[in-house]
Protein backbone atom coordinates (compact mmCIF):
# COMPACT_ATOMS: atom_id res chain seq x y z
CA UNK A 1 40.50 129.12 134.44
CA UNK A 2 41.11 130.76 137.85
CA UNK A 3 44.31 131.58 139.34
CA UNK A 4 43.30 129.17 141.99
CA UNK A 5 42.81 126.57 139.78
CA UNK A 6 45.86 127.01 137.78
CA UNK A 7 48.00 126.85 140.97
CA UNK A 8 46.13 123.85 142.20
CA UNK A 9 46.63 122.03 138.74
CA UNK A 10 50.04 122.91 138.88
CA UNK A 11 51.11 121.15 142.05
CA UNK A 12 49.04 118.18 141.22
CA UNK A 13 50.94 117.92 137.84
CA UNK A 14 54.06 117.97 140.67
CA UNK A 15 52.24 115.47 142.79
CA UNK A 16 51.72 113.34 139.38
CA UNK A 17 55.87 113.57 138.57
CA UNK A 18 56.82 112.25 142.16
CA UNK A 19 58.56 115.71 142.79
CA UNK A 20 55.82 116.65 145.54
CA UNK A 21 54.43 114.50 148.30
CA UNK A 22 51.91 116.51 149.97
CA UNK A 23 47.87 117.18 150.36
CA UNK A 24 46.26 119.82 148.33
CA UNK A 25 43.16 121.80 149.59
CA UNK A 26 41.14 124.40 148.65
CA UNK A 27 39.97 127.11 151.16
CA UNK A 28 37.74 129.42 149.67
CA UNK A 29 39.90 131.68 147.05
CA UNK A 30 43.35 129.80 148.02
CA UNK A 31 44.47 126.35 147.03
CA UNK A 32 46.45 125.44 150.35
CA UNK A 33 49.86 123.27 149.77
CA UNK A 34 50.68 120.97 152.79
CA UNK A 35 53.93 120.02 151.68
CA UNK A 36 55.65 116.51 153.29
CA UNK A 37 58.61 116.23 151.04
CA UNK A 38 60.34 117.60 147.84
CA UNK A 39 62.76 115.09 147.01
CA UNK A 40 64.52 117.17 144.33
CA UNK A 41 63.84 120.97 145.49
CA UNK A 42 65.74 122.55 142.27
CA UNK A 43 63.40 121.01 140.06
CA UNK A 44 60.55 122.87 141.34
CA UNK A 45 62.32 126.37 139.95
CA UNK A 46 63.43 127.92 136.96
CA UNK A 47 63.56 125.04 134.01
CA UNK A 48 66.90 126.06 132.87
CA UNK A 49 68.79 125.92 136.05
CA UNK A 50 66.78 122.72 137.18
CA UNK A 51 68.04 120.73 134.20
CA UNK A 52 71.73 122.21 134.85
CA UNK A 53 71.64 121.32 138.32
CA UNK A 54 70.08 118.10 137.74
CA UNK A 55 73.17 116.82 135.59
CA UNK A 56 75.80 118.24 137.56
CA UNK A 57 73.97 116.48 140.50
CA UNK A 58 73.72 113.26 138.17
CA UNK A 59 77.46 113.59 137.66
CA UNK A 60 78.51 114.00 140.70
CA UNK A 61 76.16 111.15 142.66
CA UNK A 62 75.17 108.84 139.70
CA UNK A 63 71.82 107.24 140.16
CA UNK A 64 70.88 109.14 143.11
CA UNK A 65 68.27 110.94 142.14
CA UNK A 66 66.68 107.82 141.14
CA UNK A 67 67.56 106.12 144.58
CA UNK A 68 65.81 109.36 146.51
CA UNK A 69 62.58 108.41 144.66
CA UNK A 70 62.72 111.40 142.03
CA UNK A 71 60.95 109.86 138.43
CA UNK A 72 63.22 109.00 135.51
CA UNK A 73 60.49 111.10 133.46
CA UNK A 74 60.62 113.70 135.94
CA UNK A 75 62.54 116.41 133.63
CA UNK A 76 60.13 115.12 130.67
CA UNK A 77 57.28 117.48 131.56
CA UNK A 78 57.42 121.02 131.40
């Protein structure tokens, strides 16, 4: 698998999980992400930090992730 395919596949996975709202296109040797919206940008970073931030966010704002369009299963996939 090429780097372009790997990156594109990762973006498609995030799109399927509801963590990105975007369009992905391929231009030669590049996968291009045209990002419209990321309801929880902290979930796109380091897994341990994202998990800790998500727990804190849910504690302070109960139910807010779901209300913002973040699927309850968003943290289920590595």
